Amino acid sequence: MAKKDAAPPPPISISDAEAQVMEVLWQRHPQGADEIAEALAERQDWQLATVKTLVNRLFTKGAISAEKDGRRYLYSPLLSREDWLSSQSLGLIDRLFQGRLTPLVAHFSAQRKLSAAELKALKQLIQDYEND
């Protein structure tokens, strides 16, 4: 009997604040909560306790791992940035544009004039897609 492929795991829901912690860990890992807080200090006025709360949420969700290092823990991402971006972008298209890409591109091009370089890149993407 052939083994069926397992369904992909459901996407991990990450808040905007949690995403900032993930960005730090995607850039460099493993890191302790104090190092994460220090890396975020330039853009956020968060106390260490806030960062620890966000790290704990991410750990509970399965987005990061924790490894004991003496009296502290070092955290590393389990969720890749690419997987998270894919889930976020597909969710956006599904929620706002009923899963259709054309209205998304039309909306953004109406909101912000596309540069010649962006138009060229879009044309290249279409050409590459047609050639595959």
C-alpha atoms as a PDB file:
ATOM      1  CA  MET A   1       0.000   0.000   0.000  1.00  0.00           C
ATOM      2  CA  ALA A   2       1.421   3.402  -0.988  1.00  0.00           C
ATOM      3  CA  LYS A   3       2.152   5.855   1.773  1.00  0.00           C
ATOM      4  CA  LYS A   4       0.178   9.093   1.442  1.00  0.00           C
ATOM      5  CA  ASP A   5       2.007  12.392   1.704  1.00  0.00           C
ATOM      6  CA  ALA A   6       1.332  14.103   4.996  1.00  0.00           C
ATOM      7  CA  ALA A   7      -0.514  17.413   4.826  1.00  0.00           C
ATOM      8  CA  PRO A   8       1.721  20.403   5.416  1.00  0.00           C
ATOM      9  CA  PRO A   9       1.574  21.770   8.958  1.00  0.00           C
ATOM     10  CA  PRO A  10      -0.708  24.759   9.437  1.00  0.00           C
ATOM     11  CA  PRO A  11       1.083  28.100   9.218  1.00  0.00           C
ATOM     12  CA  ILE A  12       2.323  29.558  12.470  1.00  0.00           C
ATOM     13  CA  SER A  13       0.555  32.813  13.267  1.00  0.00           C
ATOM     14  CA  ILE A  14       3.078  35.468  14.284  1.00  0.00           C
ATOM     15  CA  SER A  15       2.180  38.965  15.465  1.00  0.00           C
ATOM     16  CA  ASP A  16       4.022  42.056  14.215  1.00  0.00           C
ATOM     17  CA  ALA A  17       5.949  42.279  17.501  1.00  0.00           C
ATOM     18  CA  GLU A  18       6.884  38.599  17.362  1.00  0.00           C
ATOM     19  CA  ALA A  19       8.012  39.059  13.747  1.00  0.00           C
ATOM     20  CA  GLN A  20      10.527  41.670  14.923  1.00  0.00           C
ATOM     21  CA  VAL A  21      12.033  39.128  17.321  1.00  0.00           C
ATOM     22  CA  MET A  22      12.109  36.561  14.507  1.00  0.00           C
ATOM     23  CA  GLU A  23      13.917  39.023  12.216  1.00  0.00           C
ATOM     24  CA  VAL A  24      16.676  39.322  14.830  1.00  0.00           C
ATOM     25  CA  LEU A  25      16.961  35.542  15.105  1.00  0.00           C
ATOM     26  CA  TRP A  26      16.892  35.042  11.328  1.00  0.00           C
ATOM     27  CA  GLN A  27      19.857  37.400  11.044  1.00  0.00           C
ATOM     28  CA  ARG A  28      21.918  35.659  13.743  1.00  0.00           C
ATOM     29  CA  HIS A  29      21.337  32.689  16.024  1.00  0.00           C
ATOM     30  CA  PRO A  30      21.464  31.342  18.597  1.00  0.00           C
ATOM     31  CA  GLN A  31      20.906  34.343  20.861  1.00  0.00           C
ATOM     32  CA  GLY A  32      19.769  34.907  24.414  1.00  0.00           C
ATOM     33  CA  ALA A  33      16.809  37.125  25.301  1.00  0.00           C
ATOM     34  CA  ASP A  34      19.192  39.857  26.460  1.00  0.00           C
ATOM     35  CA  GLU A  35      20.969  39.857  23.083  1.00  0.00           C
ATOM     36  CA  ILE A  36      17.643  39.969  21.255  1.00  0.00           C
ATOM     37  CA  ALA A  37      16.532  42.923  23.406  1.00  0.00           C
ATOM     38  CA  GLU A  38      19.801  44.716  22.670  1.00  0.00           C
ATOM     39  CA  ALA A  39      19.403  44.161  18.919  1.00  0.00           C
ATOM     40  CA  LEU A  40      15.850  45.543  19.073  1.00  0.00           C
ATOM     41  CA  ALA A  41      16.761  48.546  21.259  1.00  0.00           C
ATOM     42  CA  GLU A  42      17.414  50.838  18.283  1.00  0.00           C
ATOM     43  CA  ARG A  43      13.902  50.397  16.867  1.00  0.00           C
ATOM     44  CA  GLN A  44      11.833  49.453  19.942  1.00  0.00           C
ATOM     45  CA  ASP A  45      11.681  50.773  23.473  1.00  0.00           C
ATOM     46  CA  TRP A  46      10.930  47.349  24.937  1.00  0.00           C
ATOM     47  CA  GLN A  47      12.001  46.174  28.361  1.00  0.00           C
ATOM     48  CA  LEU A  48      13.750  42.809  28.681  1.00  0.00           C
ATOM     49  CA  ALA A  49      10.549  41.380  30.214  1.00  0.00           C
ATOM     50  CA  THR A  50       8.623  42.264  27.032  1.00  0.00           C
ATOM     51  CA  VAL A  51      11.200  40.528  24.857  1.00  0.00           C
ATOM     52  CA  LYS A  52      11.098  37.463  27.125  1.00  0.00           C
ATOM     53  CA  THR A  53       7.295  37.363  26.793  1.00  0.00           C
ATOM     54  CA  LEU A  54       7.543  37.520  22.993  1.00  0.00           C
ATOM     55  CA  VAL A  55      10.261  34.838  22.966  1.00  0.00           C
ATOM     56  CA  ASN A  56       8.100  32.598  25.179  1.00  0.00           C
ATOM     57  CA  ARG A  57       5.129  33.017  22.828  1.00  0.00           C
ATOM     58  CA  LEU A  58       7.290  32.119  19.829  1.00  0.00           C
ATOM     59  CA  PHE A  59       8.654  29.074  21.673  1.00  0.00           C
ATOM     60  CA  THR A  60       5.138  27.940  22.614  1.00  0.00           C
ATOM     61  CA  LYS A  61       4.024  28.319  18.978  1.00  0.00           C
ATOM     62  CA  GLY A  62       6.943  26.194  17.790  1.00  0.00           C
ATOM     63  CA  ALA A  63       8.559  29.024  15.809  1.00  0.00           C
ATOM     64  CA  ILE A  64      11.819  28.900  17.797  1.00  0.00           C
ATOM     65  CA  SER A  65      13.828  26.396  19.805  1.00  0.00           C
ATOM     66  CA  ALA A  66      15.506  26.917  23.173  1.00  0.00           C
ATOM     67  CA  GLU A  67      18.812  25.419  24.301  1.00  0.00           C
ATOM     68  CA  LYS A  68      19.992  25.699  27.895  1.00  0.00           C
ATOM     69  CA  ASP A  69      23.316  27.537  28.211  1.00  0.00           C
ATOM     70  CA  GLY A  70      24.253  27.728  31.885  1.00  0.00           C
ATOM     71  CA  ARG A  71      21.598  29.835  33.612  1.00  0.00           C
ATOM     72  CA  ARG A  72      20.078  31.169  30.406  1.00  0.00           C
ATOM     73  CA  TYR A  73      18.553  29.906  27.189  1.00  0.00           C
ATOM     74  CA  LEU A  74      19.749  30.459  23.644  1.00  0.00           C
ATOM     75  CA  TYR A  75      17.068  30.731  20.978  1.00  0.00           C
ATOM     76  CA  SER A  76      17.150  29.757  17.310  1.00  0.00           C
ATOM     77  CA  PRO A  77      14.458  29.897  14.642  1.00  0.00           C
ATOM     78  CA  LEU A  78      12.659  26.706  13.635  1.00  0.00           C
ATOM     79  CA  LEU A  79      10.447  28.590  11.191  1.00  0.00           C
ATOM     80  CA  SER A  80      12.386  29.823   8.177  1.00  0.00           C
ATOM     81  CA  ARG A  81      11.948  33.367   6.959  1.00  0.00           C
ATOM     82  CA  GLU A  82      11.074  32.040   3.503  1.00  0.00           C
ATOM     83  CA  ASP A  83       8.281  29.815   4.854  1.00  0.00           C
ATOM     84  CA  TRP A  84       6.904  32.674   6.939  1.00  0.00           C
ATOM     85  CA  LEU A  85       7.007  35.118   4.009  1.00  0.00           C
ATOM     86  CA  SER A  86       5.287  32.594   1.773  1.00  0.00           C
ATOM     87  CA  SER A  87       2.503  32.028   4.268  1.00  0.00           C
ATOM     88  CA  GLN A  88       2.088  35.766   4.888  1.00  0.00           C
ATOM     89  CA  SER A  89       2.004  36.704   1.202  1.00  0.00           C
ATOM     90  CA  LEU A  90      -0.419  33.916   0.262  1.00  0.00           C
ATOM     91  CA  GLY A  91      -2.625  34.883   3.206  1.00  0.00           C
ATOM     92  CA  LEU A  92      -2.660  38.511   2.042  1.00  0.00           C
ATOM     93  CA  ILE A  93      -3.633  37.536  -1.491  1.00  0.00           C
ATOM     94  CA  ASP A  94      -6.340  35.184  -0.203  1.00  0.00           C
ATOM     95  CA  ARG A  95      -7.797  37.669   2.298  1.00  0.00           C
ATOM     96  CA  LEU A  96      -7.744  40.813   0.186  1.00  0.00           C
ATOM     97  CA  PHE A  97      -7.863  39.608  -3.408  1.00  0.00           C
ATOM     98  CA  GLN A  98      -9.750  36.271  -3.247  1.00  0.00           C
ATOM     99  CA  GLY A  99      -6.542  34.425  -4.114  1.00  0.00           C
ATOM    100  CA  ARG A 100      -6.049  36.278  -7.401  1.00  0.00           C
ATOM    101  CA  LEU A 101      -2.703  37.857  -8.215  1.00  0.00           C
ATOM    102  CA  THR A 102      -3.795  40.222 -11.012  1.00  0.00           C
ATOM    103  CA  PRO A 103      -5.955  42.469  -8.772  1.00  0.00           C
ATOM    104  CA  LEU A 104      -3.064  42.653  -6.269  1.00  0.00           C
ATOM    105  CA  VAL A 105      -0.649  43.940  -8.912  1.00  0.00           C
ATOM    106  CA  ALA A 106      -3.300  46.300 -10.313  1.00  0.00           C
ATOM    107  CA  HIS A 107      -3.994  47.699  -6.848  1.00  0.00           C
ATOM    108  CA  PHE A 108      -0.351  48.362  -6.057  1.00  0.00           C
ATOM    109  CA  SER A 109       0.366  49.855  -9.463  1.00  0.00           C
ATOM    110  CA  ALA A 110      -2.624  52.206  -9.015  1.00  0.00           C
ATOM    111  CA  GLN A 111      -1.361  53.262  -5.565  1.00  0.00           C
ATOM    112  CA  ARG A 112       2.256  53.765  -6.566  1.00  0.00           C
ATOM    113  CA  LYS A 113       3.605  54.346 -10.041  1.00  0.00           C
ATOM    114  CA  LEU A 114       5.743  51.430 -11.110  1.00  0.00           C
ATOM    115  CA  SER A 115       9.252  52.369 -12.160  1.00  0.00           C
ATOM    116  CA  ALA A 116      10.698  51.262 -15.476  1.00  0.00           C
ATOM    117  CA  ALA A 117      12.886  48.778 -13.593  1.00  0.00           C
ATOM    118  CA  GLU A 118       9.859  47.302 -11.781  1.00  0.00           C
ATOM    119  CA  LEU A 119       7.925  46.984 -15.054  1.00  0.00           C
ATOM    120  CA  LYS A 120      10.913  45.287 -16.677  1.00  0.00           C
ATOM    121  CA  ALA A 121      11.206  42.883 -13.712  1.00  0.00           C
ATOM    122  CA  LEU A 122       7.480  42.034 -13.885  1.00  0.00           C
ATOM    123  CA  LYS A 123       7.724  41.403 -17.625  1.00  0.00           C
ATOM    124  CA  GLN A 124      10.731  39.144 -17.011  1.00  0.00           C
ATOM    125  CA  LEU A 125       8.827  37.202 -14.337  1.00  0.00           C
ATOM    126  CA  ILE A 126       5.950  36.645 -16.759  1.00  0.00           C
ATOM    127  CA  GLN A 127       8.316  35.590 -19.522  1.00  0.00           C
ATOM    128  CA  ASP A 128      10.139  33.183 -17.187  1.00  0.00           C
ATOM    129  CA  TYR A 129       6.811  31.748 -16.031  1.00  0.00           C
ATOM    130  CA  GLU A 130       5.643  31.218 -19.617  1.00  0.00           C
ATOM    131  CA  ASN A 131       8.935  29.498 -20.501  1.00  0.00           C
ATOM    132  CA  ASP A 132       8.707  26.994 -17.630  1.00  0.00           C
END
